[in-house]
Protein backbone atom coordinates (compact mmCIF):
# COMPACT_ATOMS: atom_id res chain seq x y z
CA MET A 1 66.65 -37.76 -28.81
CA ARG A 2 64.91 -39.78 -31.50
CA THR A 3 61.17 -39.44 -32.04
CA ILE A 4 59.02 -42.40 -30.96
CA GLY A 5 56.03 -43.21 -33.13
CA LEU A 6 53.20 -44.96 -31.28
CA ILE A 7 50.31 -46.81 -32.91
CA GLY A 8 47.57 -46.52 -30.30
CA GLY A 9 43.85 -46.76 -29.71
CA MET A 10 43.65 -50.49 -28.87
CA SER A 11 42.31 -49.45 -26.38
CA TRP A 12 42.81 -45.76 -25.63
CA GLU A 13 43.24 -46.64 -21.94
CA SER A 14 46.29 -48.75 -22.72
CA SER A 15 47.64 -46.09 -25.09
CA ALA A 16 47.39 -43.52 -22.31
CA GLU A 17 49.44 -45.89 -20.14
CA TYR A 18 52.10 -46.14 -22.83
CA TYR A 19 52.25 -42.36 -23.13
CA ARG A 20 52.62 -42.00 -19.36
CA LEU A 21 55.31 -44.67 -19.06
CA VAL A 22 57.41 -43.38 -21.95
CA ASN A 23 57.35 -39.80 -20.71
CA GLU A 24 57.96 -40.68 -17.07
CA ASP A 25 60.95 -42.79 -18.07
CA VAL A 26 62.50 -40.00 -20.13
CA ARG A 27 62.00 -37.50 -17.30
CA ASN A 28 63.53 -39.91 -14.79
CA ARG A 29 66.58 -40.43 -16.99
CA LEU A 30 67.15 -36.85 -18.17
CA GLY A 31 65.66 -34.90 -15.27
CA GLY A 32 64.17 -31.43 -15.24
CA GLN A 33 61.33 -30.76 -17.64
CA HIS A 34 62.32 -33.37 -20.21
CA ASN A 35 59.79 -35.65 -21.85
CA ALA A 36 59.83 -37.94 -24.88
CA ARG A 37 59.64 -36.67 -28.42
CA SER A 38 56.72 -38.68 -29.75
CA LEU A 39 53.88 -38.99 -32.21
CA MET A 40 50.77 -41.13 -31.74
CA HIS A 41 48.43 -42.37 -34.44
CA THR A 42 45.23 -43.49 -32.73
CA VAL A 43 43.01 -45.96 -34.54
CA ASP A 44 39.34 -46.61 -33.72
CA PHE A 45 39.28 -49.74 -31.57
CA GLY A 46 35.61 -50.29 -32.44
CA GLU A 47 36.66 -50.90 -36.04
CA ILE A 48 39.64 -53.04 -35.08
CA GLU A 49 37.62 -55.14 -32.63
CA ALA A 50 35.01 -55.82 -35.32
CA MET A 51 37.78 -57.00 -37.66
CA GLN A 52 39.14 -59.26 -34.92
CA ARG A 53 35.74 -60.87 -34.37
CA ALA A 54 35.28 -61.35 -38.11
CA GLY A 55 38.78 -62.76 -38.57
CA ASP A 56 39.57 -59.93 -41.01
CA TRP A 57 43.27 -59.84 -40.20
CA ASP A 58 44.13 -58.53 -43.67
CA GLY A 59 41.90 -55.51 -43.12
CA ALA A 60 43.35 -54.89 -39.69
CA GLY A 61 46.87 -55.26 -41.06
CA LYS A 62 46.20 -52.57 -43.65
CA VAL A 63 44.92 -50.19 -40.96
CA LEU A 64 48.04 -50.69 -38.86
CA ALA A 65 50.40 -50.50 -41.83
CA ASP A 66 48.79 -47.23 -42.91
CA ALA A 67 49.16 -45.89 -39.37
CA ALA A 68 52.85 -46.79 -39.39
CA VAL A 69 53.36 -45.03 -42.73
CA SER A 70 51.70 -41.89 -41.39
CA LEU A 71 54.02 -41.91 -38.38
CA GLU A 72 57.08 -42.36 -40.56
CA ARG A 73 56.00 -39.50 -42.80
CA GLY A 74 55.35 -37.38 -39.71
CA GLY A 75 58.95 -37.73 -38.56
CA ALA A 76 59.02 -40.80 -36.31
CA ASP A 77 62.40 -42.52 -36.05
CA LEU A 78 61.08 -45.80 -34.63
CA ILE A 79 57.66 -47.38 -34.11
CA GLY A 80 55.98 -49.13 -31.20
CA LEU A 81 52.58 -50.82 -31.39
CA CYS A 82 50.65 -50.17 -28.17
CA THR A 83 48.97 -53.57 -27.96
CA ASN A 84 50.04 -57.19 -27.51
CA THR A 85 47.38 -58.87 -29.63
CA MET A 86 47.98 -56.93 -32.80
CA HIS A 87 51.65 -57.92 -32.83
CA LEU A 88 50.13 -60.81 -34.75
CA LEU A 89 50.45 -58.36 -37.67
CA ALA A 90 53.94 -57.08 -36.88
CA ASP A 91 55.23 -58.27 -40.25
CA ARG A 92 52.69 -56.08 -42.04
CA ILE A 93 53.93 -53.02 -40.17
CA GLU A 94 57.60 -53.86 -40.68
CA ALA A 95 57.05 -54.29 -44.42
CA ALA A 96 55.33 -50.91 -44.73
CA VAL A 97 58.08 -48.68 -43.31
CA GLU A 98 61.83 -48.14 -43.45
CA ILE A 99 62.26 -47.16 -39.79
CA PRO A 100 62.70 -49.80 -37.06
CA PHE A 101 59.67 -51.55 -35.59
CA VAL A 102 60.30 -52.36 -31.91
CA HIS A 103 58.71 -55.72 -31.11
CA LEU A 104 57.04 -56.09 -27.72
CA VAL A 105 57.69 -59.83 -27.41
CA ASP A 106 61.44 -59.37 -27.85
CA ALA A 107 61.58 -56.80 -25.04
CA THR A 108 59.55 -59.06 -22.75
CA ALA A 109 61.56 -62.17 -23.56
CA ASP A 110 64.84 -60.38 -22.85
CA ALA A 111 63.62 -59.46 -19.36
CA ILE A 112 62.48 -63.03 -18.67
CA ARG A 113 65.85 -64.46 -19.71
CA ALA A 114 67.69 -61.78 -17.71
CA ALA A 115 65.78 -63.00 -14.65
CA GLY A 116 67.03 -66.53 -15.32
CA LEU A 117 63.58 -67.93 -16.18
CA THR A 118 62.55 -70.10 -19.10
CA ARG A 119 58.94 -71.19 -18.31
CA VAL A 120 56.27 -68.57 -17.74
CA GLY A 121 52.49 -68.28 -17.74
CA LEU A 122 50.68 -65.89 -20.06
CA LEU A 123 47.55 -63.83 -19.40
CA ALA A 124 46.30 -62.09 -22.54
CA THR A 125 43.45 -61.92 -25.00
CA ARG A 126 42.17 -65.16 -26.49
CA PHE A 127 43.91 -64.27 -29.76
CA THR A 128 47.30 -63.84 -28.07
CA MET A 129 46.95 -66.96 -25.93
CA GLU A 130 45.66 -69.25 -28.68
CA MET A 131 47.00 -68.11 -32.06
CA GLY A 132 50.61 -69.08 -31.46
CA PHE A 133 52.41 -65.98 -32.72
CA TYR A 134 53.34 -64.87 -29.18
CA ALA A 135 54.50 -68.24 -27.88
CA ASP A 136 56.33 -69.00 -31.12
CA ARG A 137 58.37 -65.80 -30.93
CA MET A 138 59.05 -66.38 -27.23
CA ALA A 139 60.36 -69.83 -28.13
CA THR A 140 63.00 -68.27 -30.38
CA HIS A 141 64.37 -66.66 -27.20
CA GLY A 142 64.34 -69.97 -25.32
CA VAL A 143 61.22 -69.14 -23.30
CA GLU A 144 58.33 -71.63 -22.93
CA VAL A 145 54.88 -70.05 -22.61
CA VAL A 146 52.06 -71.79 -20.72
CA VAL A 147 48.46 -70.58 -21.02
CA PRO A 148 45.46 -71.31 -18.75
CA ASP A 149 42.94 -74.00 -19.66
CA ALA A 150 40.08 -73.20 -22.04
CA ALA A 151 37.61 -72.12 -19.35
CA ASP A 152 40.10 -69.80 -17.69
CA ARG A 153 41.23 -68.41 -21.05
CA ALA A 154 37.62 -67.42 -21.65
CA VAL A 155 37.51 -65.63 -18.29
CA VAL A 156 40.74 -63.73 -18.95
CA HIS A 157 39.57 -62.69 -22.42
CA GLU A 158 36.09 -61.61 -21.33
CA VAL A 159 37.44 -59.47 -18.50
CA ILE A 160 39.71 -57.66 -20.96
CA TYR A 161 37.10 -57.00 -23.64
CA GLU A 162 33.96 -56.60 -21.56
CA GLU A 163 35.49 -54.70 -18.64
CA LEU A 164 39.03 -53.35 -18.86
CA THR A 165 38.86 -51.91 -22.38
CA LEU A 166 35.72 -50.11 -21.23
CA GLY A 167 37.39 -48.74 -18.11
CA VAL A 168 35.57 -51.13 -15.74
CA VAL A 169 37.57 -52.66 -12.87
CA ARG A 170 35.80 -55.25 -10.66
CA ASP A 171 37.03 -56.95 -7.50
CA GLU A 172 35.47 -60.22 -8.64
CA SER A 173 37.60 -60.16 -11.78
CA ARG A 174 40.73 -59.43 -9.76
CA ASP A 175 40.00 -62.48 -7.63
CA ALA A 176 39.53 -64.58 -10.77
CA TYR A 177 42.87 -63.44 -12.18
CA ARG A 178 44.57 -64.22 -8.85
CA ARG A 179 43.11 -67.73 -8.93
CA ILE A 180 44.22 -68.29 -12.51
CA MET A 181 47.76 -67.07 -11.82
CA ALA A 182 47.99 -69.34 -8.78
CA GLY A 183 47.02 -72.22 -11.04
CA LEU A 184 49.79 -71.36 -13.51
CA ALA A 185 52.33 -71.26 -10.69
CA ALA A 186 51.07 -74.65 -9.49
CA GLU A 187 51.74 -76.00 -13.02
CA GLY A 188 55.40 -75.06 -12.65
CA CYS A 189 55.48 -71.57 -14.16
CA ASP A 190 58.26 -69.52 -12.58
CA GLY A 191 56.74 -66.22 -13.65
CA VAL A 192 53.72 -64.71 -15.39
CA ILE A 193 53.46 -62.32 -18.31
CA TYR A 194 50.81 -59.62 -18.23
CA GLY A 195 50.40 -59.93 -21.99
CA CYS A 196 47.68 -57.37 -22.53
CA THR A 197 48.20 -53.68 -22.01
CA GLU A 198 45.02 -53.30 -19.94
CA ILE A 199 45.77 -56.05 -17.41
CA THR A 200 47.75 -53.76 -15.12
CA LEU A 201 44.56 -51.75 -14.61
CA LEU A 202 43.34 -54.78 -12.65
CA VAL A 203 46.31 -56.59 -11.08
CA ASP A 204 49.97 -55.95 -10.28
CA GLU A 205 52.98 -57.80 -8.88
CA THR A 206 51.35 -58.13 -5.45
CA ASP A 207 48.60 -60.35 -6.86
CA THR A 208 50.78 -63.39 -7.51
CA ALA A 209 53.60 -65.18 -5.71
CA VAL A 210 55.78 -65.49 -8.83
CA PRO A 211 57.63 -62.69 -10.69
CA VAL A 212 55.50 -60.58 -13.01
CA PHE A 213 56.62 -59.40 -16.44
CA ASP A 214 54.53 -56.42 -17.49
CA SER A 215 54.89 -56.40 -21.26
CA THR A 216 53.64 -52.82 -21.52
CA ARG A 217 56.23 -51.42 -19.12
CA LEU A 218 59.03 -53.50 -20.65
CA HIS A 219 58.10 -52.43 -24.17
CA ALA A 220 57.90 -48.77 -23.17
CA LYS A 221 61.34 -49.02 -21.56
CA ARG A 222 62.81 -50.55 -24.73
CA LEU A 223 61.32 -47.71 -26.80
CA VAL A 224 62.97 -45.15 -24.52
CA ASP A 225 66.28 -47.05 -24.58
CA LEU A 226 66.33 -46.78 -28.36
CA ALA A 227 65.08 -43.20 -28.45
CA LEU A 228 67.84 -42.02 -26.15
CA GLY A 229 70.42 -44.24 -27.80
């Protein structure tokens, strides 16, 4: 079994979900008392969030690249970044290490194409929905990404940063997400991506009539696939 290196802390709630998913998957596949060989480098999300607000992507990229280097030096054989948004800086991580970086968007896109879909809605942070890096990489897989309108993007983003990353789950926010997903389906989206690792704390596949692609679960599965070889 290869050792999985995880860059976590954005937020710690989502990193805990990654840790659970990776270890449950290994146990399910190997049985008995098995769990994943892994290392996690946890950054301080308070510092990262401040860099996001300030647009200091260079500073954030250095933090993540340094985290990747520490994992490689610690014995990791591959690296996963436990956040959707910061895949904006995937190239910085890839350039810093020799070991493979496992890209979340690729794992998600493969599942969408395997389901026979090519047009999906995206719920994520404002950065992920608006900055283009996510949709652009999806497009290389033949998948079109549709995001909510500006007002609904603000709602999705605020719920993530002001509630979910702080461990707050509100019924009113769940209803808002359901409404937004229904709107995406009405626009012709055949599925929806939960493109932020905290979103599954709020909603699941029962909250929308179209197929759900949970990027966190799909990414964790890809990490285990590669670790077990």
